[in-house]
Amino acid sequence: VQLVESGGGLVQAGGSLRLSCAASGFTFSGDAVGWFRQAPGKEREGVSCISTMDGTTYYLDHLDSMKGRFTISRDNAKNTVYLQMDNLKPEDTAVYYCAAAQISFCPPYGLGLEYVYWGQGTQVIVSS
């Protein structure tokens, strides 16, 4: 069982990246899948989650700076979940992780406790 993130890199502020999370060894069509991030010196925080019914949750949308910039989606045929990140800001710099929860719905809080499988992360650096 493995989750592999890709798509990270160095981008200028205002740019975009699309992160991918590919599963191998299992199919996560029956799992909610989340994206998390951890910036240097900070705790891990939930970014977004997508349920098996394509319901989406954005854990940081209470912040004006985050609203509408990230979009999560999934392609079960490819066993892959995506995080489209637009209008990136330097404060988005972090290692981004995807994780699969063995439940169909997105947990209401982005603490990560319900998630069973985790990827190794992909680095995103946004320069000003």
C-alpha atoms as a PDB file:
ATOM      1  CA  VAL A   1       0.000   0.000   0.000  1.00  0.00           C
ATOM      2  CA  GLN A   2       1.544   3.252  -1.077  1.00  0.00           C
ATOM      3  CA  LEU A   3       0.564   6.846  -1.732  1.00  0.00           C
ATOM      4  CA  VAL A   4       2.908   8.889  -3.863  1.00  0.00           C
ATOM      5  CA  GLU A   5       2.642  12.649  -4.202  1.00  0.00           C
ATOM      6  CA  SER A   6       4.061  14.542  -7.141  1.00  0.00           C
ATOM      7  CA  GLY A   7       3.829  17.941  -8.753  1.00  0.00           C
ATOM      8  CA  GLY A   8       5.556  20.048  -6.156  1.00  0.00           C
ATOM      9  CA  GLY A   9       8.324  22.463  -6.961  1.00  0.00           C
ATOM     10  CA  LEU A  10       9.450  26.061  -6.953  1.00  0.00           C
ATOM     11  CA  VAL A  11       7.009  28.644  -8.247  1.00  0.00           C
ATOM     12  CA  GLN A  12       6.745  32.417  -8.081  1.00  0.00           C
ATOM     13  CA  ALA A  13       3.993  34.073  -6.109  1.00  0.00           C
ATOM     14  CA  GLY A  14       0.834  34.201  -8.169  1.00  0.00           C
ATOM     15  CA  GLY A  15       1.659  31.012 -10.003  1.00  0.00           C
ATOM     16  CA  SER A  16      -0.065  27.629  -9.972  1.00  0.00           C
ATOM     17  CA  LEU A  17       0.783  24.035  -9.267  1.00  0.00           C
ATOM     18  CA  ARG A  18      -1.222  20.842  -9.475  1.00  0.00           C
ATOM     19  CA  LEU A  19      -0.302  18.182  -6.984  1.00  0.00           C
ATOM     20  CA  SER A  20      -1.132  14.553  -7.648  1.00  0.00           C
ATOM     21  CA  CYS A  21      -1.578  11.717  -5.199  1.00  0.00           C
ATOM     22  CA  ALA A  22      -1.406   8.281  -6.774  1.00  0.00           C
ATOM     23  CA  ALA A  23      -2.307   5.151  -4.866  1.00  0.00           C
ATOM     24  CA  SER A  24      -0.794   1.749  -5.468  1.00  0.00           C
ATOM     25  CA  GLY A  25      -1.520  -1.525  -3.795  1.00  0.00           C
ATOM     26  CA  PHE A  26      -5.089  -0.566  -3.090  1.00  0.00           C
ATOM     27  CA  THR A  27      -7.915   1.392  -4.625  1.00  0.00           C
ATOM     28  CA  PHE A  28      -9.096   4.376  -2.687  1.00  0.00           C
ATOM     29  CA  SER A  29     -12.356   4.848  -4.499  1.00  0.00           C
ATOM     30  CA  GLY A  30     -13.985   3.874  -1.228  1.00  0.00           C
ATOM     31  CA  ASP A  31     -11.909   6.241   0.897  1.00  0.00           C
ATOM     32  CA  ALA A  32     -12.023   9.905   1.641  1.00  0.00           C
ATOM     33  CA  VAL A  33      -8.677  11.411   0.661  1.00  0.00           C
ATOM     34  CA  GLY A  34      -7.165  14.495   2.184  1.00  0.00           C
ATOM     35  CA  TRP A  35      -4.330  16.897   1.570  1.00  0.00           C
ATOM     36  CA  PHE A  36      -2.271  18.248   4.445  1.00  0.00           C
ATOM     37  CA  ARG A  37       0.721  20.525   4.664  1.00  0.00           C
ATOM     38  CA  GLN A  38       3.461  21.267   7.098  1.00  0.00           C
ATOM     39  CA  ALA A  39       5.555  24.400   6.905  1.00  0.00           C
ATOM     40  CA  PRO A  40       8.955  24.642   8.600  1.00  0.00           C
ATOM     41  CA  GLY A  41       8.551  25.126  12.320  1.00  0.00           C
ATOM     42  CA  LYS A  42       4.780  24.754  12.177  1.00  0.00           C
ATOM     43  CA  GLU A  43       2.326  22.002  12.926  1.00  0.00           C
ATOM     44  CA  ARG A  44       0.728  19.980  10.205  1.00  0.00           C
ATOM     45  CA  GLU A  45      -2.602  21.383   9.033  1.00  0.00           C
ATOM     46  CA  GLY A  46      -5.401  19.998   6.961  1.00  0.00           C
ATOM     47  CA  VAL A  47      -5.904  21.668   3.601  1.00  0.00           C
ATOM     48  CA  SER A  48      -8.699  19.820   1.883  1.00  0.00           C
ATOM     49  CA  CYS A  49     -10.559  16.539   1.642  1.00  0.00           C
ATOM     50  CA  ILE A  50     -12.694  14.813  -0.953  1.00  0.00           C
ATOM     51  CA  SER A  51     -15.240  12.165  -0.081  1.00  0.00           C
ATOM     52  CA  THR A  52     -16.179   9.085  -2.061  1.00  0.00           C
ATOM     53  CA  MET A  53     -19.180  10.977  -3.387  1.00  0.00           C
ATOM     54  CA  ASP A  54     -16.945  13.867  -4.485  1.00  0.00           C
ATOM     55  CA  GLY A  55     -18.021  16.050  -1.639  1.00  0.00           C
ATOM     56  CA  THR A  56     -15.279  18.525  -0.816  1.00  0.00           C
ATOM     57  CA  THR A  57     -14.123  20.148   2.362  1.00  0.00           C
ATOM     58  CA  TYR A  58     -11.638  22.979   2.561  1.00  0.00           C
ATOM     59  CA  TYR A  59     -10.265  23.161   6.064  1.00  0.00           C
ATOM     60  CA  LEU A  60      -8.618  26.564   5.636  1.00  0.00           C
ATOM     61  CA  ASP A  61     -11.439  28.403   3.925  1.00  0.00           C
ATOM     62  CA  HIS A  62     -12.207  30.296   7.106  1.00  0.00           C
ATOM     63  CA  LEU A  63      -9.096  32.279   6.218  1.00  0.00           C
ATOM     64  CA  ASP A  64      -9.697  35.026   3.698  1.00  0.00           C
ATOM     65  CA  SER A  65      -6.239  34.433   2.270  1.00  0.00           C
ATOM     66  CA  MET A  66      -7.170  30.849   1.340  1.00  0.00           C
ATOM     67  CA  LYS A  67     -10.665  31.152  -0.053  1.00  0.00           C
ATOM     68  CA  GLY A  68     -11.111  29.852  -3.558  1.00  0.00           C
ATOM     69  CA  ARG A  69      -7.452  29.279  -4.347  1.00  0.00           C
ATOM     70  CA  PHE A  70      -7.268  25.480  -3.956  1.00  0.00           C
ATOM     71  CA  THR A  71      -9.420  22.851  -5.638  1.00  0.00           C
ATOM     72  CA  ILE A  72      -9.410  19.164  -4.832  1.00  0.00           C
ATOM     73  CA  SER A  73     -10.611  16.517  -7.268  1.00  0.00           C
ATOM     74  CA  ARG A  74     -10.310  12.801  -7.825  1.00  0.00           C
ATOM     75  CA  ASP A  75     -10.119  10.431 -10.766  1.00  0.00           C
ATOM     76  CA  ASN A  76     -10.986   6.980  -9.525  1.00  0.00           C
ATOM     77  CA  ALA A  77     -10.166   5.422 -12.896  1.00  0.00           C
ATOM     78  CA  LYS A  78      -6.583   6.607 -12.377  1.00  0.00           C
ATOM     79  CA  ASN A  79      -6.648   5.986  -8.629  1.00  0.00           C
ATOM     80  CA  THR A  80      -5.434   9.551  -8.228  1.00  0.00           C
ATOM     81  CA  VAL A  81      -6.460  12.628  -6.284  1.00  0.00           C
ATOM     82  CA  TYR A  82      -5.387  16.118  -7.290  1.00  0.00           C
ATOM     83  CA  LEU A  83      -4.919  19.445  -5.569  1.00  0.00           C
ATOM     84  CA  GLN A  84      -4.973  22.397  -7.921  1.00  0.00           C
ATOM     85  CA  MET A  85      -3.346  25.385  -6.262  1.00  0.00           C
ATOM     86  CA  ASP A  86      -3.742  28.808  -7.857  1.00  0.00           C
ATOM     87  CA  ASN A  87      -2.535  32.282  -6.971  1.00  0.00           C
ATOM     88  CA  LEU A  88       0.087  30.778  -4.724  1.00  0.00           C
ATOM     89  CA  LYS A  89       1.541  32.854  -1.932  1.00  0.00           C
ATOM     90  CA  PRO A  90       4.839  32.550  -0.052  1.00  0.00           C
ATOM     91  CA  GLU A  91       2.909  31.389   3.007  1.00  0.00           C
ATOM     92  CA  ASP A  92       1.825  28.311   1.027  1.00  0.00           C
ATOM     93  CA  THR A  93       5.403  27.070   1.178  1.00  0.00           C
ATOM     94  CA  ALA A  94       5.311  23.676   2.870  1.00  0.00           C
ATOM     95  CA  VAL A  95       5.601  19.962   2.375  1.00  0.00           C
ATOM     96  CA  TYR A  96       2.255  18.720   1.107  1.00  0.00           C
ATOM     97  CA  TYR A  97       1.034  15.262   2.027  1.00  0.00           C
ATOM     98  CA  CYS A  98      -1.911  13.237   0.864  1.00  0.00           C
ATOM     99  CA  ALA A  99      -3.606  10.681   3.045  1.00  0.00           C
ATOM    100  CA  ALA A 100      -6.418   8.168   2.745  1.00  0.00           C
ATOM    101  CA  ALA A 101      -8.995   7.610   5.435  1.00  0.00           C
ATOM    102  CA  GLN A 102     -10.846   4.300   5.531  1.00  0.00           C
ATOM    103  CA  ILE A 103     -14.144   6.119   5.719  1.00  0.00           C
ATOM    104  CA  SER A 104     -16.267   7.470   2.915  1.00  0.00           C
ATOM    105  CA  PHE A 105     -16.890  10.955   4.283  1.00  0.00           C
ATOM    106  CA  CYS A 106     -14.529  13.787   5.049  1.00  0.00           C
ATOM    107  CA  PRO A 107     -13.803  14.309   8.715  1.00  0.00           C
ATOM    108  CA  PRO A 108     -15.107  17.679   9.871  1.00  0.00           C
ATOM    109  CA  TYR A 109     -11.726  18.812  11.179  1.00  0.00           C
ATOM    110  CA  GLY A 110      -8.428  18.610   9.388  1.00  0.00           C
ATOM    111  CA  LEU A 111      -6.485  17.049  12.211  1.00  0.00           C
ATOM    112  CA  GLY A 112      -5.527  13.950  10.271  1.00  0.00           C
ATOM    113  CA  LEU A 113      -6.442  11.513  13.027  1.00  0.00           C
ATOM    114  CA  GLU A 114      -8.807   9.498  10.848  1.00  0.00           C
ATOM    115  CA  TYR A 115      -6.328   8.979   8.043  1.00  0.00           C
ATOM    116  CA  VAL A 116      -4.631   5.611   7.770  1.00  0.00           C
ATOM    117  CA  TYR A 117      -2.319   5.769   4.778  1.00  0.00           C
ATOM    118  CA  TRP A 118       0.060   8.674   4.194  1.00  0.00           C
ATOM    119  CA  GLY A 119       2.368   9.626   1.396  1.00  0.00           C
ATOM    120  CA  GLN A 120       5.941  10.851   1.804  1.00  0.00           C
ATOM    121  CA  GLY A 121       5.127  14.390   0.789  1.00  0.00           C
ATOM    122  CA  THR A 122       6.073  16.769  -1.984  1.00  0.00           C
ATOM    123  CA  GLN A 123       7.806  20.101  -1.385  1.00  0.00           C
ATOM    124  CA  VAL A 124       6.182  23.312  -2.541  1.00  0.00           C
ATOM    125  CA  ILE A 125       8.205  26.507  -2.428  1.00  0.00           C
ATOM    126  CA  VAL A 126       6.634  29.803  -3.379  1.00  0.00           C
ATOM    127  CA  SER A 127       9.026  32.672  -3.914  1.00  0.00           C
ATOM    128  CA  SER A 128       8.020  36.297  -3.486  1.00  0.00           C
END
